[in-house]
Amino acid sequence: MRRLILSVALCIAASLPAMAEEVVLGLSSDTVSINTNFDGSEILIFGAVKRDAPFPAEPPMEVIVTVSGPSEPVTVRRKEKKFGIWVNTDAVEIDSAPSFYAVSTSTLMGLSLSETEDVRHSVSIPRAIRSVGAPDNISNSETFTEALIRIKSKSNQYQLNEGTVSVDEQTLFRTSIALPAALTEGDYQTRIFLTRSGDVVAQYETSIYVRKVGMERWLFTLSRERAFLYGLLSLGIAIFAGWGASAIFSVFRR
């Protein structure tokens, strides 16, 4: 009888949920405004972990923060030198790649997240890029994805910031992410992952809104909703600029 009671107790204990951990997040700003003087920005992301019980000493909690811009198809081309001239040869259409993607971690990426969890949640930069297939004549399509990451990383549009998330007392965390000047307008998905031993134990999602304002917004709206008028305005500005340059050159010649 005692063995039966013990077995039932163990089954009930195994079925109970583990200690729940929940992210309470804060942002220095949830809106980024792009105007004619915009040369980049920095977003401070901070928060705390709310628990139902005291946290265990081991294993330690790690924090991963990702910020992802609007995704879009991208064509990556390979150039080769033929007869002394660089020409486009092969091309691969990547189905979906974020216009901006930043990953910040509290420790090394490999220690923060297992490969299985990375596949499940698409956290790392390569996993955030979706490429279904490539033409049959291209055998090494993964090199095109690597080239895209390399190009985007040089312009600071793809970032891997390891060890930049500060975690205090296994409860408070904070990090800052630099946004480059060349931002695509739209909603930037922000995700927070809490991990232990490489496994995701909790996550939280919110959005940062990037919007054009002032003259930038007016020109953007005009180009989308009044394309003909936008074309005439562009032509008029080009003619005026050409005439002005010619007039100034004539004055200097005299």
Protein backbone atom coordinates (compact mmCIF):
# COMPACT_ATOMS: atom_id res chain seq x y z
CA MET A 1 0.00 0.00 0.00
CA ARG A 2 2.83 2.39 0.91
CA ARG A 3 4.54 1.65 -2.40
CA LEU A 4 1.29 2.43 -4.25
CA ILE A 5 0.89 5.74 -2.41
CA LEU A 6 4.54 6.64 -3.12
CA SER A 7 4.12 5.84 -6.83
CA VAL A 8 0.97 7.99 -7.06
CA ALA A 9 2.76 10.87 -5.28
CA LEU A 10 5.69 10.69 -7.68
CA CYS A 11 3.33 10.71 -10.67
CA ILE A 12 1.52 13.78 -9.34
CA ALA A 13 4.82 15.59 -8.68
CA ALA A 14 6.05 14.83 -12.19
CA SER A 15 2.83 16.20 -13.68
CA LEU A 16 3.07 19.54 -11.84
CA PRO A 17 4.47 22.48 -13.87
CA ALA A 18 8.04 23.52 -13.24
CA MET A 19 8.82 26.82 -11.60
CA ALA A 20 7.28 29.45 -13.88
CA GLU A 21 9.45 32.35 -15.02
CA GLU A 22 7.94 35.35 -16.78
CA VAL A 23 9.59 38.30 -18.51
CA VAL A 24 8.60 41.84 -17.51
CA LEU A 25 10.01 44.05 -20.27
CA GLY A 26 10.76 47.74 -20.73
CA LEU A 27 11.97 49.80 -23.71
CA SER A 28 13.59 53.23 -23.72
CA SER A 29 11.27 53.96 -26.66
CA ASP A 30 8.87 51.86 -28.69
CA THR A 31 8.95 54.27 -31.65
CA VAL A 32 11.83 55.37 -33.89
CA SER A 33 11.18 58.41 -36.08
CA ILE A 34 13.08 58.80 -39.35
CA ASN A 35 13.53 62.33 -40.69
CA THR A 36 15.99 64.06 -43.01
CA ASN A 37 18.59 64.34 -40.22
CA PHE A 38 18.29 60.72 -39.01
CA ASP A 39 21.73 59.09 -38.72
CA GLY A 40 20.87 56.08 -36.56
CA SER A 41 19.52 55.48 -33.09
CA GLU A 42 20.00 53.29 -30.04
CA ILE A 43 17.30 51.33 -28.26
CA LEU A 44 17.72 50.41 -24.59
CA ILE A 45 15.98 47.14 -23.73
CA PHE A 46 15.64 46.24 -20.07
CA GLY A 47 13.46 44.08 -17.90
CA ALA A 48 13.09 41.68 -15.03
CA VAL A 49 12.16 38.06 -14.46
CA LYS A 50 9.08 37.38 -12.34
CA ARG A 51 9.04 33.99 -10.62
CA ASP A 52 6.55 31.93 -8.67
CA ALA A 53 9.33 30.68 -6.38
CA PRO A 54 12.98 31.49 -5.57
CA PHE A 55 15.24 30.79 -8.54
CA PRO A 56 17.54 27.77 -8.45
CA ALA A 57 21.28 28.34 -8.10
CA GLU A 58 22.03 25.99 -10.98
CA PRO A 59 21.93 26.03 -13.89
CA PRO A 60 22.28 29.81 -14.36
CA MET A 61 19.77 31.74 -16.42
CA GLU A 62 20.88 33.25 -19.74
CA VAL A 63 19.09 35.98 -21.70
CA ILE A 64 18.87 36.40 -25.49
CA VAL A 65 17.39 39.51 -27.13
CA THR A 66 16.56 39.70 -30.85
CA VAL A 67 15.29 42.64 -32.90
CA SER A 68 14.07 41.86 -36.42
CA GLY A 69 13.06 44.31 -39.14
CA PRO A 70 10.47 43.65 -41.87
CA SER A 71 11.37 40.62 -44.01
CA GLU A 72 11.51 40.68 -47.79
CA PRO A 73 12.76 38.52 -50.70
CA VAL A 74 16.38 39.14 -51.68
CA THR A 75 18.26 38.15 -54.83
CA VAL A 76 21.94 37.37 -54.20
CA ARG A 77 24.20 37.28 -57.25
CA ARG A 78 27.66 35.83 -57.69
CA LYS A 79 30.23 37.80 -59.67
CA GLU A 80 33.10 36.30 -61.60
CA LYS A 81 35.91 37.92 -63.54
CA LYS A 82 35.74 37.05 -67.22
CA PHE A 83 37.99 38.62 -69.84
CA GLY A 84 39.07 41.21 -67.28
CA ILE A 85 35.50 42.29 -66.47
CA TRP A 86 33.43 41.43 -63.39
CA VAL A 87 30.05 40.06 -64.50
CA ASN A 88 27.06 38.53 -62.71
CA THR A 89 26.86 34.77 -63.15
CA ASP A 90 24.75 32.67 -60.77
CA ALA A 91 21.86 34.06 -58.72
CA VAL A 92 19.81 32.69 -55.83
CA GLU A 93 16.45 34.07 -54.70
CA ILE A 94 16.25 34.06 -50.90
CA ASP A 95 12.57 33.77 -50.00
CA SER A 96 12.61 35.89 -46.85
CA ALA A 97 15.39 37.82 -45.11
CA PRO A 98 14.96 40.47 -42.42
CA SER A 99 15.99 43.97 -43.47
CA PHE A 100 17.60 44.32 -40.03
CA TYR A 101 18.45 41.65 -37.47
CA ALA A 102 20.30 41.91 -34.19
CA VAL A 103 21.00 39.19 -31.62
CA SER A 104 22.36 40.09 -28.18
CA THR A 105 23.22 37.43 -25.60
CA SER A 106 24.38 37.31 -22.00
CA THR A 107 27.10 34.79 -22.88
CA LEU A 108 28.37 33.04 -25.99
CA MET A 109 25.61 32.10 -28.41
CA GLY A 110 26.57 28.42 -28.36
CA LEU A 111 26.26 28.35 -24.55
CA SER A 112 22.99 30.29 -24.46
CA LEU A 113 20.96 28.21 -26.91
CA SER A 114 21.03 24.64 -28.17
CA GLU A 115 20.83 23.82 -31.88
CA THR A 116 17.42 22.22 -31.39
CA GLU A 117 15.98 25.34 -29.76
CA ASP A 118 17.57 27.52 -32.43
CA VAL A 119 15.78 25.52 -35.13
CA ARG A 120 12.50 25.77 -33.21
CA HIS A 121 12.61 29.51 -32.53
CA SER A 122 14.82 30.79 -35.43
CA VAL A 123 17.02 32.86 -33.14
CA SER A 124 20.45 33.00 -34.82
CA ILE A 125 21.02 35.09 -37.93
CA PRO A 126 21.25 32.13 -40.38
CA ARG A 127 18.03 30.64 -38.94
CA ALA A 128 16.21 33.96 -39.34
CA ILE A 129 16.80 33.82 -43.10
CA ARG A 130 14.43 31.52 -44.99
CA SER A 131 15.65 30.09 -48.29
CA VAL A 132 13.51 27.23 -49.57
CA GLY A 133 15.58 26.16 -52.52
CA ALA A 134 18.02 27.10 -55.26
CA PRO A 135 18.26 26.41 -59.00
CA ASP A 136 19.38 22.90 -59.93
CA ASN A 137 22.62 24.21 -61.43
CA ILE A 138 23.77 25.63 -58.08
CA SER A 139 25.10 23.08 -55.63
CA ASN A 140 26.46 25.37 -52.88
CA SER A 141 23.43 27.59 -52.26
CA GLU A 142 24.43 28.09 -48.60
CA THR A 143 27.33 30.29 -49.75
CA PHE A 144 24.80 32.81 -51.07
CA THR A 145 23.18 33.04 -47.62
CA GLU A 146 26.63 33.47 -46.08
CA ALA A 147 27.38 36.25 -48.58
CA LEU A 148 24.15 38.06 -47.67
CA ILE A 149 25.01 37.85 -43.97
CA ARG A 150 28.53 39.11 -44.66
CA ILE A 151 27.26 42.10 -46.68
CA LYS A 152 24.56 43.00 -44.16
CA SER A 153 27.00 42.66 -41.26
CA LYS A 154 29.42 45.15 -42.84
CA SER A 155 26.66 47.79 -42.94
CA ASN A 156 25.65 46.97 -39.33
CA GLN A 157 22.26 45.72 -40.48
CA TYR A 158 22.99 42.23 -39.14
CA GLN A 159 24.54 42.10 -35.67
CA LEU A 160 25.64 39.33 -33.32
CA ASN A 161 26.45 40.94 -29.96
CA GLU A 162 27.64 38.17 -27.64
CA GLY A 163 28.00 38.94 -23.95
CA THR A 164 26.31 42.36 -24.21
CA VAL A 165 23.22 41.53 -22.12
CA SER A 166 23.90 42.33 -18.46
CA VAL A 167 22.12 40.06 -15.96
CA ASP A 168 22.02 41.14 -12.30
CA GLU A 169 21.17 38.69 -9.53
CA GLN A 170 19.59 36.34 -12.08
CA THR A 171 16.61 38.73 -12.15
CA LEU A 172 17.34 42.07 -13.85
CA PHE A 173 18.70 42.34 -17.39
CA ARG A 174 19.49 45.14 -19.82
CA THR A 175 21.15 45.72 -23.18
CA SER A 176 21.28 48.34 -25.92
CA ILE A 177 21.03 47.77 -29.66
CA ALA A 178 22.33 50.25 -32.23
CA LEU A 179 20.03 50.92 -35.17
CA PRO A 180 21.82 52.06 -38.37
CA ALA A 181 20.75 55.04 -40.46
CA ALA A 182 19.50 52.84 -43.33
CA LEU A 183 16.34 51.49 -41.70
CA THR A 184 13.31 50.07 -43.47
CA GLU A 185 10.01 51.48 -42.25
CA GLY A 186 7.79 49.01 -40.42
CA ASP A 187 7.34 47.01 -37.23
CA TYR A 188 10.50 45.60 -35.67
CA GLN A 189 9.73 42.44 -33.75
CA THR A 190 11.56 42.28 -30.43
CA ARG A 191 11.90 38.92 -28.66
CA ILE A 192 13.32 38.03 -25.25
CA PHE A 193 14.33 34.44 -24.48
CA LEU A 194 15.20 33.09 -21.05
CA THR A 195 17.27 29.92 -21.28
CA ARG A 196 18.77 27.34 -18.95
CA SER A 197 21.28 24.75 -20.17
CA GLY A 198 20.49 25.85 -23.74
CA ASP A 199 16.72 25.28 -23.41
CA VAL A 200 14.16 28.09 -23.70
CA VAL A 201 12.19 28.32 -20.44
CA ALA A 202 10.30 31.55 -21.16
CA GLN A 203 9.92 34.13 -23.91
CA TYR A 204 8.29 37.50 -24.52
CA GLU A 205 7.50 39.44 -27.70
CA THR A 206 6.80 43.09 -28.41
CA SER A 207 7.32 45.55 -31.29
CA ILE A 208 9.30 48.69 -32.01
CA TYR A 209 7.68 50.95 -34.60
CA VAL A 210 9.93 52.64 -37.15
CA ARG A 211 8.15 55.45 -39.01
CA LYS A 212 9.12 58.23 -41.40
CA VAL A 213 8.06 61.71 -40.23
CA GLY A 214 8.05 65.23 -41.65
CA MET A 215 9.33 65.68 -45.21
CA GLU A 216 10.42 62.02 -45.38
CA ARG A 217 6.86 60.86 -44.63
CA TRP A 218 5.35 63.33 -47.12
CA LEU A 219 7.64 62.25 -49.97
CA PHE A 220 7.15 58.57 -49.16
CA THR A 221 3.34 58.91 -49.16
CA LEU A 222 3.43 60.99 -52.34
CA SER A 223 5.54 58.37 -54.17
CA ARG A 224 3.10 55.61 -53.20
CA GLU A 225 -0.25 57.35 -53.59
CA ARG A 226 0.49 60.03 -56.26
CA ALA A 227 3.19 58.44 -58.38
CA PHE A 228 2.57 60.72 -61.40
CA LEU A 229 2.74 63.89 -59.30
CA TYR A 230 5.85 62.56 -57.56
CA GLY A 231 7.46 61.96 -60.95
CA LEU A 232 6.67 65.51 -62.10
CA LEU A 233 8.04 66.93 -58.85
CA SER A 234 11.25 64.91 -59.20
CA LEU A 235 11.63 66.05 -62.82
CA GLY A 236 11.07 69.69 -61.81
CA ILE A 237 13.67 69.49 -59.05
CA ALA A 238 16.17 67.89 -61.45
CA ILE A 239 15.60 70.63 -64.06
CA PHE A 240 15.89 73.39 -61.45
CA ALA A 241 19.06 71.87 -60.01
CA GLY A 242 20.59 71.58 -63.50
CA TRP A 243 19.67 75.15 -64.36
CA GLY A 244 21.01 76.42 -61.05
CA ALA A 245 24.33 74.61 -61.50
CA SER A 246 24.63 75.98 -65.04
CA ALA A 247 23.90 79.52 -63.86
CA ILE A 248 26.50 79.34 -61.08
CA PHE A 249 29.09 77.93 -63.51
CA SER A 250 28.40 80.78 -65.95
CA VAL A 251 28.96 83.38 -63.22
CA PHE A 252 32.35 81.85 -62.33
CA ARG A 253 33.38 81.80 -65.99
CA ARG A 254 32.88 85.54 -66.22
